[in-house]
Amino acid sequence: MMRMAQVLLAVAGLALWGASRMAWVDITSFDGLGHPKTTTLSGAQWSTALVPLALLVLAAALAALAVRGWALRLLALLVAVASAGMGYLGIGLWAVNDIAVRSAQLAEVPVADLVSTERHHWGAGLTVAAAACALAGAVLLLRVARSGGGRAAGSTKYVAPGARRDAARSGGVDEDMSERMMWDALDEGRDPTGGDNEGR
């Protein structure tokens, strides 16, 4: 589950970076001299938050390896808030009725010279998809935090032979651990099947 969350966050970060490089708005202006001029605004120009959000979710994918418990829950909450921001940025391009004034300001073109604007929806759509991936990753991180996953699984892999024998006596081992204890017993010159035969 943790790996799936990290994959989703990595996909979200890469998708945001891709969206920041794509064309979001084309602006056509004419100052009365020469020919009309077309300026293209990329996602990063239209919304400067795209790249920082991409870096945030990529950093969260790495940070998930190092944090547990309440820190992992806080990280999941941060990613969820970031995903809401991503969705707002993507949907904002579609929802705003008039982008002329903002486009002219970003392109440093006088509004009086503005002829037309054209929206490109692929970048915004990719941003919304990234938001969905980030939100799904946040939910998985929260589930991992609630289940306490990642620590228990790793802690039983490298248990000392003596501790494994104690765990075996208390009945708290699985098949892999039992097999490992048999090899430990053979290494120590003991018959690992002796106790079982006595019980039968």
Protein backbone atom coordinates (compact mmCIF):
# COMPACT_ATOMS: atom_id res chain seq x y z
CA MET A 1 0.00 0.00 0.00
CA MET A 2 2.87 2.36 0.80
CA ARG A 3 4.53 1.69 -2.55
CA MET A 4 1.27 2.33 -4.38
CA ALA A 5 0.91 5.66 -2.55
CA GLN A 6 4.45 6.62 -3.53
CA VAL A 7 3.82 5.69 -7.15
CA LEU A 8 0.65 7.80 -7.23
CA LEU A 9 2.47 10.78 -5.73
CA ALA A 10 5.34 10.41 -8.19
CA VAL A 11 2.87 10.23 -11.09
CA ALA A 12 1.10 13.33 -9.77
CA GLY A 13 4.38 15.24 -9.52
CA LEU A 14 5.48 14.29 -13.02
CA ALA A 15 2.04 15.11 -14.43
CA LEU A 16 2.14 18.55 -12.83
CA TRP A 17 5.60 19.19 -14.22
CA GLY A 18 4.36 18.16 -17.66
CA ALA A 19 1.32 20.41 -17.33
CA SER A 20 3.56 23.33 -16.38
CA ARG A 21 5.41 22.93 -19.68
CA MET A 22 2.31 22.75 -21.84
CA ALA A 23 0.55 25.68 -23.54
CA TRP A 24 -2.46 26.91 -21.57
CA VAL A 25 -3.43 30.17 -23.28
CA ASP A 26 -2.66 31.79 -26.63
CA ILE A 27 -2.94 35.59 -26.80
CA THR A 28 -3.20 37.54 -30.03
CA SER A 29 -2.45 41.25 -29.85
CA PHE A 30 -2.09 44.08 -32.37
CA ASP A 31 -0.56 47.47 -31.61
CA GLY A 32 -1.47 49.04 -34.96
CA LEU A 33 2.05 48.60 -36.32
CA GLY A 34 3.20 45.60 -38.31
CA HIS A 35 1.44 42.26 -37.98
CA PRO A 36 -0.65 40.80 -35.12
CA LYS A 37 1.48 39.03 -32.52
CA THR A 38 0.64 35.74 -30.82
CA THR A 39 2.01 34.97 -27.36
CA THR A 40 1.70 31.57 -25.71
CA LEU A 41 1.44 31.22 -21.94
CA SER A 42 2.62 27.93 -20.49
CA GLY A 43 1.13 26.34 -17.40
CA ALA A 44 4.00 27.64 -15.26
CA GLN A 45 3.34 31.16 -16.54
CA TRP A 46 -0.42 30.93 -16.10
CA SER A 47 -0.05 29.50 -12.60
CA THR A 48 3.30 29.78 -10.85
CA ALA A 49 2.15 27.29 -8.20
CA LEU A 50 2.30 24.28 -10.55
CA VAL A 51 6.03 23.65 -10.24
CA PRO A 52 6.16 24.11 -6.43
CA LEU A 53 3.21 21.71 -6.08
CA ALA A 54 4.98 19.20 -8.30
CA LEU A 55 8.08 19.40 -6.10
CA LEU A 56 5.92 19.10 -3.00
CA VAL A 57 4.26 15.84 -3.98
CA LEU A 58 7.56 14.37 -5.22
CA ALA A 59 9.16 15.26 -1.89
CA ALA A 60 6.18 13.73 -0.09
CA ALA A 61 6.71 10.48 -2.01
CA LEU A 62 10.26 10.31 -0.64
CA ALA A 63 9.37 11.55 2.84
CA ALA A 64 6.79 8.77 3.23
CA LEU A 65 9.68 6.32 3.62
CA ALA A 66 11.04 8.12 6.66
CA VAL A 67 7.96 9.03 8.67
CA ARG A 68 5.44 6.95 10.61
CA GLY A 69 2.46 7.47 12.87
CA TRP A 70 1.20 11.01 13.37
CA ALA A 71 3.92 12.41 11.08
CA LEU A 72 2.65 10.23 8.24
CA ARG A 73 -0.90 11.40 8.91
CA LEU A 74 0.25 15.00 8.79
CA LEU A 75 2.04 14.30 5.51
CA ALA A 76 -1.13 12.73 4.09
CA LEU A 77 -3.12 15.79 5.14
CA LEU A 78 -0.59 18.10 3.49
CA VAL A 79 -0.79 16.13 0.24
CA ALA A 80 -4.61 16.21 0.36
CA VAL A 81 -4.56 20.01 0.73
CA ALA A 82 -2.09 20.23 -2.15
CA SER A 83 -4.35 18.07 -4.30
CA ALA A 84 -7.22 20.48 -3.66
CA GLY A 85 -4.98 23.30 -4.83
CA MET A 86 -4.11 21.39 -7.99
CA GLY A 87 -7.74 20.78 -8.76
CA TYR A 88 -8.52 24.46 -8.25
CA LEU A 89 -5.78 25.50 -10.67
CA GLY A 90 -6.92 23.07 -13.33
CA ILE A 91 -10.64 23.73 -13.07
CA GLY A 92 -10.01 27.47 -12.78
CA LEU A 93 -8.95 27.69 -16.41
CA TRP A 94 -12.27 26.18 -17.50
CA ALA A 95 -14.47 27.97 -15.00
CA VAL A 96 -13.31 31.57 -15.54
CA ASN A 97 -15.52 33.23 -18.12
CA ASP A 98 -13.12 35.93 -19.22
CA ILE A 99 -9.37 35.35 -19.16
CA ALA A 100 -8.51 38.36 -21.32
CA VAL A 101 -7.37 40.75 -18.59
CA ARG A 102 -5.30 38.15 -16.73
CA SER A 103 -3.78 36.91 -19.98
CA ALA A 104 -2.82 40.40 -21.04
CA GLN A 105 -1.20 41.07 -17.66
CA LEU A 106 0.81 37.86 -17.73
CA ALA A 107 1.92 38.42 -21.32
CA GLU A 108 2.68 42.09 -20.56
CA VAL A 109 0.39 43.21 -23.36
CA PRO A 110 -1.82 46.30 -23.07
CA VAL A 111 -5.46 45.27 -22.79
CA ALA A 112 -6.30 47.80 -25.54
CA ASP A 113 -4.04 45.86 -27.94
CA LEU A 114 -5.64 42.53 -27.16
CA VAL A 115 -7.37 40.92 -30.13
CA SER A 116 -8.28 37.42 -28.89
CA THR A 117 -7.41 34.66 -26.43
CA GLU A 118 -7.56 30.91 -26.88
CA ARG A 119 -7.51 28.32 -24.10
CA HIS A 120 -5.79 24.94 -24.34
CA HIS A 121 -7.47 22.45 -22.05
CA TRP A 122 -4.97 19.59 -22.10
CA GLY A 123 -2.67 21.12 -19.51
CA ALA A 124 -5.57 21.91 -17.17
CA GLY A 125 -6.93 18.39 -17.65
CA LEU A 126 -3.54 16.90 -16.80
CA THR A 127 -3.47 19.06 -13.68
CA VAL A 128 -6.86 17.75 -12.57
CA ALA A 129 -5.67 14.19 -13.21
CA ALA A 130 -2.59 14.91 -11.08
CA ALA A 131 -4.88 16.19 -8.33
CA ALA A 132 -6.83 12.92 -8.41
CA CYS A 133 -3.61 10.88 -8.19
CA ALA A 134 -2.32 12.98 -5.32
CA LEU A 135 -5.60 12.64 -3.42
CA ALA A 136 -5.60 8.87 -3.90
CA GLY A 137 -2.00 8.78 -2.68
CA ALA A 138 -2.95 10.82 0.38
CA VAL A 139 -5.77 8.40 1.21
CA LEU A 140 -3.40 5.44 0.97
CA LEU A 141 -0.85 7.18 3.18
CA LEU A 142 -3.56 7.79 5.77
CA ARG A 143 -4.58 4.13 5.66
CA VAL A 144 -0.95 3.07 6.14
CA ALA A 145 -0.64 5.44 9.08
CA ARG A 146 -3.81 4.10 10.71
CA SER A 147 -2.79 0.46 10.25
CA GLY A 148 0.75 1.12 11.45
CA GLY A 149 2.05 -0.56 8.33
CA GLY A 150 5.67 -0.51 7.27
CA ARG A 151 7.18 -0.88 10.71
CA ALA A 152 5.85 -4.24 11.85
CA ALA A 153 6.64 -5.90 8.53
CA GLY A 154 10.21 -4.68 8.56
CA SER A 155 10.88 -5.38 12.24
CA THR A 156 10.43 -9.17 12.04
CA LYS A 157 12.79 -9.68 9.11
CA TYR A 158 16.03 -9.18 10.97
CA VAL A 159 15.34 -10.66 14.41
CA ALA A 160 18.20 -12.28 16.26
CA PRO A 161 18.11 -16.10 16.49
CA GLY A 162 17.48 -16.01 20.25
CA ALA A 163 14.53 -13.67 19.83
CA ARG A 164 13.12 -15.89 17.09
CA ARG A 165 13.31 -18.91 19.39
CA ASP A 166 11.47 -16.99 22.10
CA ALA A 167 8.83 -16.00 19.58
CA ALA A 168 8.51 -19.61 18.46
CA ARG A 169 7.88 -20.79 22.02
CA SER A 170 5.10 -18.24 22.37
CA GLY A 171 3.59 -19.26 19.06
CA GLY A 172 3.97 -15.84 17.43
CA VAL A 173 5.81 -16.81 14.23
CA ASP A 174 4.77 -17.57 10.67
CA GLU A 175 5.99 -20.27 8.26
CA ASP A 176 8.97 -18.22 7.03
CA MET A 177 10.15 -17.61 10.58
CA SER A 178 9.75 -21.30 11.49
CA GLU A 179 11.89 -22.31 8.53
CA ARG A 180 14.54 -19.80 9.52
CA MET A 181 14.56 -21.14 13.09
CA MET A 182 15.07 -24.65 11.75
CA TRP A 183 18.17 -23.49 9.92
CA ASP A 184 19.38 -21.72 13.07
CA ALA A 185 18.96 -24.92 15.04
CA LEU A 186 20.94 -26.90 12.44
CA ASP A 187 23.69 -24.27 12.57
CA GLU A 188 23.87 -24.75 16.34
CA GLY A 189 24.09 -28.55 16.00
CA ARG A 190 20.60 -29.26 17.32
CA ASP A 191 17.86 -31.37 15.76
CA PRO A 192 15.02 -28.94 14.94
CA THR A 193 12.47 -31.76 14.62
CA GLY A 194 13.13 -33.28 18.03
CA GLY A 195 10.55 -31.24 19.90
CA ASP A 196 7.85 -32.00 17.35
CA ASN A 197 8.50 -35.73 17.48
CA GLU A 198 8.24 -35.72 21.26
CA GLY A 199 4.89 -34.00 21.06
CA ARG A 200 3.57 -36.66 18.68
